Amino acid sequence: MIESVLTRKNLSFKWKVTIKSLIAAGIVVLAVLLPQLVHLALGEAGGVEWLPMYLPVLLGGCLLGWAWGLGVGIASPAVSFLLTFAFGDPMPALARLPFMMAELAVFAAVSGLFAKRIAKNAWMAFPAVLLAQVAGRGAFMLLVLVFQSIAPFTPALIWAQIQTGLLGMVLQAVLVPFIVMGLKWILDREKHD
């Protein structure tokens, strides 16, 4: 979606990369801060239930497209881990980090595949988010099945976590598209002014 705005403004490649980099960095910062706030307010269980890192990552895919979204999806849990590790309580935990990086990369890449369609019709953010959620959670479960002999997770544990996070997923399936539609409305108003 952002690409279409930047193209409409006839910006150079250098400016497009600069603006996308700033947006991606902002989304990663949000993906690091939001879980901290949720954990502070609701404890660790709040993170499993509300899945706060997923919202910015899904938003990043819808806005930036699959390639930039992929970067946001990989960077968000990695940056969060590195920053929180420095303070002694890494989030996500090291054992979960590669699984979460893969899951969020799928979330952002799949939602990002819809970015051009979203630029034309913001309602496309709804199927983008839903398919990204299913694909991301499926990727996580598949990785756990493949690596269960060396990972500290079982499919039953991950399935229980998926069920616990359903309310957060439903909330994001509504919130992210409405945020995208609001941003598109603002950007389209600017086009007509």
Foldseek 3Di string as FASTA:
>chain_A
DQVVLCVVVVDDPVVSVVVLVVLLVVLLVQLLVQLVVQCVVPNPLSCLAQVRSLLSLLLNLLAPALPSSLVSLQVNLVVNQVVVVVVPDGPPDPLCNVLSSQLSSQLSNQLRNCNVVCLVPLVVSLVSNVVSNVRSLVSSLVVCVVCVVPGPDHSVRSVVSCVSHPVNSVVSSPVSSVVSVVVSVVSVVVVVD
